[in-house]
Amino acid sequence: MKRKMWGAAIITVVVLCQGVPSRATDAAAEVVTVDRLATVGESVVLSCNNAAVNASPGVTEWSKDGKLVLRHNSTSTEKFVADSRLAIVNNSALQISNVSGSDEGVYLCNVMPSDIQEQNQHPIKLVLVSGPDAVSINITPAVVLLNGTYYTIQGSEVTYTCSSQSYPAQELSWVFEGLASKPLNVTSGNGTSLSFKKINIIPIDQGNYSCSARNPVSGKTVTSSIAMLVYYRPSRAPRCSSQTGNNASDLLLLCSWTGGYPEPTLQWKHDDEETPGDWQPVLSASAANASLDVTMSRTQLHDGQVLKCVGEHPAVLSRMELPCSVKLKAPYPEGEPMITGISKQNVTLTCQDKDARPPPKITWLRGVRQEEIVPSSKYIISQGEAVSTLVITNCSKESDEGFYFCRSENPVGVRELEVHLSIKCKT
């Protein structure tokens, strides 16, 4: 008489988020080979390999982690756990619908009768694999620009953190690629998140930072990358000056703030005459550049006017304004109003304007018609710093005596010093 035997079958199922993995040739990237793959949330059917060939088993029992969960015969199915997702299909196979994390464990199938002569039970786990689906990156302190690029300030202590969800726990790794360097592995580890710090960050630390999450069972890998810039402020304060433009009545304002990254934002402003302390933009002139030059006409200027160039830079704490200023001063030429010369000798007329801002242009004129004197062997004109001299050579009473004018002009205005020259005959 044939003896009835209980057979034992252990089923390995790995539930994956995508695809069917294969065994890689590289041991470091080996993927577990499984008998049955499925996506989390789908149905898994566990075949009972101990069922008799060409015969329906009388009784099929399925256990999980050593505890009986279901018994089936030809007429009924008895469940020992309250789980509507469990069912017997094809006489002996166990179907688990909508697989979730609670289904992980060791499943064992016992059948009667069995064609298997020996009972060899080898526990094999049902492993549910999910993720990673995405990697999130958080960097502090840092600011995200509209294009998604991050920036931080030179000298900051910056913490880089990436996180993801995977089951089982993923392998995380950070890689840095500088603007002119090869990719460099920064750190790696297992878990839901991975962090590292850059202390006293410097410009060489700017580049692309990538964090990868890899499921060690399925081999699924996802990567997220960000570009990081390191901003630093100019080494000195803004510098500004003024000078006469192409036309004598035009004022050219010059402002520069170099040495920082990125370029600063510069703007010229002027103090409102009617509301002192109320600084208004000059012609709405501003630029994201290391220098800003603005031209103003005489009608926009007045004596004593203060104009300032305001610089802003993201690396300056609290976006504080750093200004420099220029103060305008109308011309006021000074000199001796009456000069006496000796006939047939040289006579020198001197005019100075030390306070005018910007420095004025000084010219000499003579006579009632105020004709401009052109330098020649007769009239020698010398220009120094805010000082001008007119030397009249071999002077005579008939041709040289009379009125001379020292004309001082800058964009703020024009003013003249009247000088009367008297010539005496040599005795």
Protein backbone atom coordinates (compact mmCIF):
# COMPACT_ATOMS: atom_id res chain seq x y z
CA MET A 1 0.00 0.00 0.00
CA LYS A 2 1.29 3.42 -0.94
CA ARG A 3 2.10 5.51 2.08
CA LYS A 4 0.65 9.05 2.14
CA MET A 5 3.19 11.76 2.79
CA TRP A 6 3.01 15.49 3.54
CA GLY A 7 5.12 17.48 1.15
CA ALA A 8 6.75 20.83 1.96
CA ALA A 9 7.35 23.65 -0.56
CA ILE A 10 9.03 26.99 0.22
CA ILE A 11 8.35 29.86 -2.22
CA THR A 12 10.60 32.88 -2.67
CA VAL A 13 8.90 36.04 -3.87
CA VAL A 14 10.51 39.45 -4.20
CA VAL A 15 8.05 42.25 -4.90
CA LEU A 16 9.55 45.07 -6.94
CA CYS A 17 8.53 48.57 -7.91
CA GLN A 18 9.55 48.07 -11.52
CA GLY A 19 10.86 45.48 -13.91
CA VAL A 20 12.39 42.07 -13.41
CA PRO A 21 15.96 42.22 -12.20
CA SER A 22 18.71 39.99 -13.57
CA ARG A 23 21.88 38.84 -11.92
CA ALA A 24 24.67 41.28 -12.67
CA THR A 25 28.16 40.06 -13.52
CA ASP A 26 29.71 42.65 -11.24
CA ALA A 27 29.51 41.37 -7.65
CA ALA A 28 29.30 44.90 -6.29
CA ALA A 29 26.09 45.47 -8.26
CA GLU A 30 24.58 41.95 -7.90
CA VAL A 31 20.82 41.70 -8.08
CA VAL A 32 19.03 38.83 -6.28
CA THR A 33 17.45 36.29 -8.65
CA VAL A 34 13.93 35.40 -7.60
CA ASP A 35 11.28 32.89 -8.63
CA ARG A 36 8.48 35.42 -8.87
CA LEU A 37 8.54 39.17 -9.23
CA ALA A 38 5.65 41.57 -8.84
CA THR A 39 4.93 45.19 -8.19
CA VAL A 40 3.78 46.31 -4.77
CA GLY A 41 -0.02 46.50 -4.80
CA GLU A 42 -0.45 43.73 -7.36
CA SER A 43 -1.41 40.09 -6.74
CA VAL A 44 1.20 37.39 -6.09
CA VAL A 45 0.52 33.71 -6.72
CA LEU A 46 2.70 31.25 -4.76
CA SER A 47 2.76 27.82 -6.42
CA CYS A 48 2.82 24.77 -4.19
CA ASN A 49 5.53 22.60 -5.73
CA ASN A 50 4.87 19.70 -3.37
CA ALA A 51 1.46 18.98 -4.85
CA ALA A 52 1.08 15.50 -6.31
CA VAL A 53 1.59 15.17 -10.05
CA ASN A 54 -1.57 14.58 -12.09
CA ALA A 55 -3.64 14.54 -8.93
CA SER A 56 -5.46 17.07 -6.85
CA PRO A 57 -4.23 17.24 -3.28
CA GLY A 58 -6.67 16.17 -0.61
CA VAL A 59 -5.61 18.93 1.77
CA THR A 60 -3.39 21.96 1.25
CA GLU A 61 -2.08 23.98 4.16
CA TRP A 62 -0.22 27.31 3.97
CA SER A 63 1.69 28.75 6.90
CA LYS A 64 3.57 31.99 7.37
CA ASP A 65 6.42 32.29 9.85
CA GLY A 66 5.39 28.94 11.36
CA LYS A 67 1.75 29.89 11.90
CA LEU A 68 -1.02 28.29 9.94
CA VAL A 69 -2.89 30.88 7.89
CA LEU A 70 -5.06 28.76 5.55
CA ARG A 71 -6.24 25.15 5.01
CA HIS A 72 -7.98 24.06 1.81
CA ASN A 73 -9.67 20.89 0.62
CA SER A 74 -11.82 20.09 -2.33
CA THR A 75 -14.95 21.43 -0.69
CA SER A 76 -13.91 24.31 1.55
CA THR A 77 -11.22 26.78 2.60
CA GLU A 78 -10.58 27.51 6.24
CA LYS A 79 -8.70 30.72 7.18
CA PHE A 80 -6.86 31.16 10.44
CA VAL A 81 -6.25 34.90 9.93
CA ALA A 82 -8.80 37.58 9.10
CA ASP A 83 -7.40 38.55 5.72
CA SER A 84 -9.68 38.67 2.69
CA ARG A 85 -6.69 39.05 0.41
CA LEU A 86 -5.69 35.38 0.81
CA ALA A 87 -7.19 32.73 -1.49
CA ILE A 88 -6.42 29.30 -3.00
CA VAL A 89 -6.21 29.16 -6.78
CA ASN A 90 -5.49 26.21 -9.06
CA ASN A 91 -6.30 23.76 -6.21
CA SER A 92 -3.13 24.45 -4.17
CA ALA A 93 -1.49 27.80 -5.05
CA LEU A 94 -1.77 30.69 -2.60
CA GLN A 95 -2.83 34.06 -4.00
CA ILE A 96 -2.09 37.24 -2.06
CA SER A 97 -3.89 40.26 -3.46
CA ASN A 98 -2.65 43.84 -3.09
CA VAL A 99 0.69 42.84 -1.60
CA SER A 100 1.99 45.10 1.18
CA GLY A 101 4.79 45.21 3.71
CA SER A 102 2.88 43.10 6.22
CA ASP A 103 3.07 40.12 3.83
CA GLU A 104 6.82 39.69 4.23
CA GLY A 105 7.77 36.43 5.86
CA VAL A 106 8.46 32.70 5.35
CA TYR A 107 5.72 30.80 3.55
CA LEU A 108 5.42 27.01 3.70
CA CYS A 109 3.07 24.73 1.74
CA ASN A 110 2.07 21.26 3.07
CA VAL A 111 0.00 18.97 0.87
CA MET A 112 -1.48 15.48 1.14
CA PRO A 113 -0.97 13.21 -0.72
CA SER A 114 2.54 14.01 -2.04
CA ASP A 115 4.86 12.45 -4.62
CA ILE A 116 7.90 13.75 -2.77
CA GLN A 117 9.65 10.99 -0.84
CA GLU A 118 11.65 13.23 1.48
CA GLN A 119 10.58 16.31 3.38
CA ASN A 120 13.24 19.06 2.88
CA GLN A 121 12.09 22.37 4.29
CA HIS A 122 14.29 25.34 3.49
CA PRO A 123 12.89 28.63 4.81
CA ILE A 124 12.82 31.22 2.07
CA LYS A 125 11.60 34.70 2.80
CA LEU A 126 8.96 36.56 0.93
CA VAL A 127 10.76 39.89 0.44
CA LEU A 128 8.75 42.94 -0.50
CA VAL A 129 10.80 45.42 -2.44
CA SER A 130 9.76 49.05 -3.08
CA GLY A 131 11.43 52.26 -4.08
CA PRO A 132 13.37 54.33 -4.24
CA ASP A 133 11.14 56.53 -6.38
CA ALA A 134 12.72 59.94 -5.81
CA VAL A 135 15.55 61.60 -3.92
CA SER A 136 14.97 64.92 -2.16
CA ILE A 137 17.86 67.27 -1.41
CA ASN A 138 18.03 69.90 1.32
CA ILE A 139 20.96 72.30 1.70
CA THR A 140 21.28 74.82 4.52
CA PRO A 141 22.08 77.64 4.60
CA ALA A 142 21.40 78.19 0.91
CA VAL A 143 19.09 80.13 -1.39
CA VAL A 144 17.42 78.64 -4.46
CA LEU A 145 17.42 80.81 -7.57
CA LEU A 146 14.55 80.85 -10.07
CA ASN A 147 16.41 78.43 -12.35
CA GLY A 148 16.81 75.91 -9.51
CA THR A 149 20.47 76.64 -8.83
CA TYR A 150 21.50 76.95 -5.18
CA TYR A 151 23.89 79.53 -3.78
CA THR A 152 25.50 80.04 -0.40
CA ILE A 153 27.93 82.60 1.03
CA GLN A 154 31.68 82.07 1.26
CA GLY A 155 32.72 81.13 4.78
CA SER A 156 29.40 79.48 5.69
CA GLU A 157 29.12 76.07 7.31
CA VAL A 158 26.88 74.24 4.86
CA THR A 159 24.99 70.99 5.53
CA TYR A 160 24.00 68.78 2.60
CA THR A 161 21.21 66.25 3.24
CA CYS A 162 19.47 63.87 0.86
CA SER A 163 16.66 61.47 1.69
CA SER A 164 14.52 58.84 0.01
CA GLN A 165 12.19 55.97 0.83
CA SER A 166 13.00 52.38 -0.07
CA TYR A 167 12.37 48.89 1.22
CA PRO A 168 14.61 47.35 2.25
CA ALA A 169 16.74 50.32 3.32
CA GLN A 170 18.54 51.88 0.39
CA GLU A 171 22.19 52.65 -0.11
CA LEU A 172 22.75 56.42 -0.36
CA SER A 173 25.81 58.15 -1.78
CA TRP A 174 26.89 61.76 -2.40
CA VAL A 175 29.10 62.67 -5.40
CA PHE A 176 30.65 66.09 -6.09
CA GLU A 177 31.80 67.28 -9.50
CA GLY A 178 33.60 70.61 -9.55
CA LEU A 179 33.60 73.01 -12.47
CA ALA A 180 37.01 71.73 -13.56
CA SER A 181 37.36 68.40 -11.76
CA LYS A 182 36.29 64.78 -12.10
CA PRO A 183 33.43 63.32 -10.01
CA LEU A 184 34.47 62.71 -6.42
CA ASN A 185 32.73 60.37 -3.96
CA VAL A 186 32.00 62.43 -0.85
CA THR A 187 30.23 59.97 1.49
CA SER A 188 27.91 56.96 1.47
CA GLY A 189 25.72 55.02 3.88
CA ASN A 190 22.48 53.12 4.44
CA GLY A 191 19.19 54.50 5.74
CA THR A 192 16.52 57.00 4.86
CA SER A 193 18.86 60.02 4.78
CA LEU A 194 22.53 60.90 4.41
CA SER A 195 24.25 64.17 5.39
CA PHE A 196 27.67 65.77 5.28
CA LYS A 197 29.05 69.23 6.06
CA LYS A 198 31.30 71.73 4.34
CA ILE A 199 32.94 73.96 6.95
CA ASN A 200 34.06 77.42 5.80
CA ILE A 201 32.92 76.86 2.22
CA ILE A 202 35.02 78.48 -0.51
CA PRO A 203 34.55 79.10 -4.26
CA ILE A 204 36.36 75.88 -5.19
CA ASP A 205 33.45 74.02 -3.55
CA GLN A 206 30.97 75.19 -6.16
CA GLY A 207 29.81 72.68 -8.73
CA ASN A 208 27.29 69.84 -9.10
CA TYR A 209 26.27 67.73 -6.11
CA SER A 210 24.45 64.44 -6.80
CA CYS A 211 22.81 62.04 -4.38
CA SER A 212 21.95 58.50 -5.50
CA ALA A 213 19.65 56.03 -3.76
CA ARG A 214 19.94 52.33 -4.65
CA ASN A 215 17.74 49.45 -3.52
CA PRO A 216 20.20 46.66 -2.64
CA VAL A 217 17.73 43.92 -3.59
CA SER A 218 16.15 45.18 -6.81
CA GLY A 219 19.10 47.26 -7.90
CA LYS A 220 16.79 50.15 -8.74
CA THR A 221 18.71 53.44 -8.54
CA VAL A 222 17.48 57.03 -8.67
CA THR A 223 19.64 60.15 -8.62
CA SER A 224 18.97 63.80 -7.89
CA SER A 225 21.44 66.59 -8.64
CA ILE A 226 21.74 70.29 -7.86
CA ALA A 227 24.16 73.01 -8.93
CA MET A 228 25.75 74.97 -6.07
CA LEU A 229 27.36 78.40 -6.40
CA VAL A 230 29.48 80.13 -3.75
CA TYR A 231 28.97 83.89 -3.59
CA TYR A 232 31.57 86.26 -2.14
CA ARG A 233 31.48 89.98 -1.62
CA PRO A 234 33.89 92.53 -3.14
CA SER A 235 36.95 93.08 -0.98
CA ARG A 236 36.41 96.82 -0.69
CA ALA A 237 33.59 99.36 -0.60
CA PRO A 238 32.15 100.95 -3.74
CA ARG A 239 34.16 103.76 -5.29
CA CYS A 240 32.63 106.71 -7.08
CA SER A 241 33.73 109.94 -8.71
CA SER A 242 32.48 112.63 -11.06
CA GLN A 243 33.93 114.41 -14.03
CA THR A 244 32.89 116.66 -16.87
CA GLY A 245 31.30 114.79 -19.76
CA ASN A 246 31.86 115.21 -23.48
CA ASN A 247 30.00 118.50 -23.24
CA ALA A 248 31.04 121.06 -20.64
CA SER A 249 27.48 121.15 -19.31
CA ASP A 250 27.24 117.37 -18.82
CA LEU A 251 28.20 115.55 -15.63
CA LEU A 252 29.57 112.03 -15.86
CA LEU A 253 29.11 109.98 -12.68
CA LEU A 254 31.41 106.97 -12.29
CA CYS A 255 30.81 104.14 -9.83
CA SER A 256 32.57 100.78 -9.48
CA TRP A 257 32.48 97.87 -7.03
CA THR A 258 34.73 95.10 -8.25
CA GLY A 259 36.11 91.83 -6.92
CA GLY A 260 32.91 90.04 -5.93
CA TYR A 261 30.80 87.22 -7.30
CA PRO A 262 28.27 87.62 -8.76
CA GLU A 263 28.28 91.21 -10.03
CA PRO A 264 26.70 93.68 -7.60
CA THR A 265 23.67 95.85 -8.29
CA LEU A 266 24.61 99.52 -8.47
CA GLN A 267 22.32 102.55 -8.49
CA TRP A 268 22.92 106.29 -8.50
CA LYS A 269 20.63 108.38 -6.30
CA HIS A 270 20.31 112.07 -5.49
CA ASP A 271 19.04 113.92 -2.43
CA ASP A 272 15.71 115.62 -3.03
CA GLU A 273 16.03 119.42 -2.67
CA GLU A 274 12.52 119.82 -1.33
CA THR A 275 12.66 116.80 0.96
CA PRO A 276 16.17 116.43 2.38
CA GLY A 277 17.06 112.85 3.18
CA ASP A 278 14.67 111.52 0.55
CA TRP A 279 17.00 109.82 -1.91
CA GLN A 280 15.59 109.42 -5.40
CA PRO A 281 17.02 107.37 -8.27
CA VAL A 282 18.92 109.26 -10.91
CA LEU A 283 17.01 108.66 -14.14
CA SER A 284 16.13 105.22 -12.73
CA ALA A 285 19.69 104.25 -13.56
CA SER A 286 20.74 100.91 -12.10
CA ALA A 287 22.67 97.90 -13.35
CA ALA A 288 23.79 94.45 -12.24
CA ASN A 289 27.38 95.17 -13.09
CA ALA A 290 30.70 95.97 -11.45
CA SER A 291 30.49 99.53 -12.78
CA LEU A 292 27.79 102.06 -13.53
CA ASP A 293 28.34 105.32 -15.41
CA VAL A 294 25.54 107.89 -15.64
CA THR A 295 25.39 111.22 -17.49
CA MET A 296 23.38 114.15 -16.13
CA SER A 297 22.75 117.51 -17.75
CA ARG A 298 23.21 120.92 -16.10
CA THR A 299 19.46 121.36 -15.73
CA GLN A 300 19.42 118.43 -13.28
CA LEU A 301 22.23 119.78 -11.11
CA HIS A 302 22.66 122.44 -8.44
CA ASP A 303 25.37 123.79 -6.20
CA GLY A 304 25.98 121.63 -3.11
CA GLN A 305 24.06 118.67 -4.52
CA VAL A 306 25.02 115.26 -3.14
CA LEU A 307 24.83 112.20 -5.36
CA LYS A 308 25.53 108.74 -4.07
CA CYS A 309 26.10 105.37 -5.64
CA VAL A 310 24.44 102.55 -3.72
CA GLY A 311 25.77 99.02 -4.05
CA GLU A 312 23.93 95.84 -3.11
CA HIS A 313 25.40 92.35 -3.13
CA PRO A 314 23.84 89.03 -2.05
CA ALA A 315 26.98 88.17 -0.08
CA VAL A 316 26.57 91.27 2.12
CA LEU A 317 24.55 90.33 5.19
CA SER A 318 20.92 91.43 5.15
CA ARG A 319 21.49 92.89 1.67
CA MET A 320 22.83 96.04 3.34
CA GLU A 321 23.41 99.04 1.09
CA LEU A 322 27.02 100.21 0.81
CA PRO A 323 27.18 103.74 -0.66
CA CYS A 324 29.82 106.16 -1.83
CA SER A 325 29.01 109.76 -2.68
CA VAL A 326 30.13 112.86 -4.53
CA LYS A 327 29.25 116.45 -3.69
CA LEU A 328 28.89 119.02 -6.45
CA LYS A 329 30.30 122.50 -6.11
CA ALA A 330 29.78 125.38 -8.51
CA PRO A 331 32.88 127.19 -9.86
CA TYR A 332 34.28 130.18 -7.98
CA PRO A 333 37.50 131.45 -9.56
CA GLU A 334 39.79 133.55 -7.41
CA GLY A 335 42.74 135.85 -8.16
CA GLU A 336 44.00 139.42 -8.15
CA PRO A 337 41.40 141.68 -9.80
CA MET A 338 43.98 144.33 -10.73
CA ILE A 339 47.42 143.64 -12.15
CA THR A 340 50.09 146.16 -13.18
CA GLY A 341 52.71 145.30 -15.77
CA ILE A 342 55.79 147.01 -17.23
CA SER A 343 55.99 147.80 -20.90
CA LYS A 344 58.17 145.43 -22.97
CA GLN A 345 58.29 142.93 -20.12
CA ASN A 346 56.31 139.80 -19.35
CA VAL A 347 53.32 139.94 -17.04
CA THR A 348 51.58 136.98 -15.37
CA LEU A 349 47.88 136.68 -14.53
CA THR A 350 46.89 133.89 -12.13
CA CYS A 351 43.48 132.33 -11.51
CA GLN A 352 42.57 129.40 -9.27
CA ASP A 353 39.42 127.46 -8.42
CA LYS A 354 40.21 124.84 -5.82
CA ASP A 355 36.73 124.09 -4.52
CA ALA A 356 34.73 123.41 -7.67
CA ARG A 357 33.54 119.81 -8.05
CA PRO A 358 34.05 118.28 -10.44
CA PRO A 359 37.28 120.17 -11.24
CA PRO A 360 36.51 123.01 -13.64
CA LYS A 361 37.89 123.85 -17.03
CA ILE A 362 39.60 127.26 -16.94
CA THR A 363 39.92 129.42 -20.03
CA TRP A 364 41.19 132.99 -20.58
CA LEU A 365 39.34 135.69 -22.49
CA ARG A 366 40.03 139.36 -23.15
CA GLY A 367 38.26 142.54 -24.10
CA VAL A 368 34.67 143.60 -23.98
CA ARG A 369 33.81 140.94 -26.54
CA GLN A 370 35.46 138.31 -24.36
CA GLU A 371 37.38 136.71 -27.16
CA GLU A 372 39.05 133.48 -26.09
CA ILE A 373 42.82 133.70 -25.91
CA VAL A 374 44.58 131.07 -27.99
CA PRO A 375 47.98 129.92 -26.67
CA SER A 376 50.85 131.30 -28.73
CA SER A 377 54.29 132.81 -28.32
CA LYS A 378 52.53 135.99 -27.23
CA TYR A 379 50.15 134.29 -24.78
CA ILE A 380 51.53 131.37 -22.81
CA ILE A 381 48.86 129.52 -20.83
CA SER A 382 49.70 126.92 -18.19
CA GLN A 383 47.14 124.68 -16.52
CA GLY A 384 47.81 123.10 -13.14
CA GLU A 385 45.60 121.42 -10.58
CA ALA A 386 42.76 123.95 -10.24
CA VAL A 387 45.21 126.76 -11.17
CA SER A 388 45.78 128.51 -14.49
CA THR A 389 48.31 131.17 -15.42
CA LEU A 390 48.40 133.49 -18.39
CA VAL A 391 51.77 134.96 -19.30
CA ILE A 392 51.68 137.91 -21.67
CA THR A 393 55.11 138.38 -23.23
CA ASN A 394 56.69 141.68 -24.24
CA CYS A 395 53.57 143.55 -23.23
CA SER A 396 52.65 147.01 -24.41
CA LYS A 397 50.18 149.58 -23.24
CA GLU A 398 48.55 149.93 -26.63
CA SER A 399 47.86 146.28 -27.35
CA ASP A 400 47.71 144.55 -23.98
CA GLU A 401 46.22 146.92 -21.45
CA GLY A 402 42.58 146.29 -20.59
CA PHE A 403 40.23 143.68 -19.17
CA TYR A 404 40.91 139.92 -19.01
CA PHE A 405 38.56 137.24 -17.83
CA CYS A 406 39.31 133.96 -16.11
CA ARG A 407 36.41 131.71 -16.96
CA SER A 408 35.83 128.66 -14.75
CA GLU A 409 33.23 126.11 -15.88
CA ASN A 410 32.05 122.73 -14.73
CA PRO A 411 28.70 120.91 -15.26
CA VAL A 412 27.14 122.78 -12.31
CA GLY A 413 27.71 126.23 -13.80
CA VAL A 414 29.99 128.96 -15.17
CA ARG A 415 31.66 131.86 -13.35
CA GLU A 416 34.21 134.46 -14.39
CA LEU A 417 36.87 136.45 -12.59
CA GLU A 418 37.45 139.89 -14.07
CA VAL A 419 41.06 141.10 -14.09
CA HIS A 420 42.15 144.56 -15.17
CA LEU A 421 45.68 144.84 -16.53
CA SER A 422 47.43 148.20 -16.46
CA ILE A 423 50.71 148.69 -18.34
CA LYS A 424 53.23 151.27 -17.24
CA CYS A 425 56.04 152.54 -19.38
CA LYS A 426 59.50 151.63 -18.24
CA THR A 427 61.26 154.61 -16.69
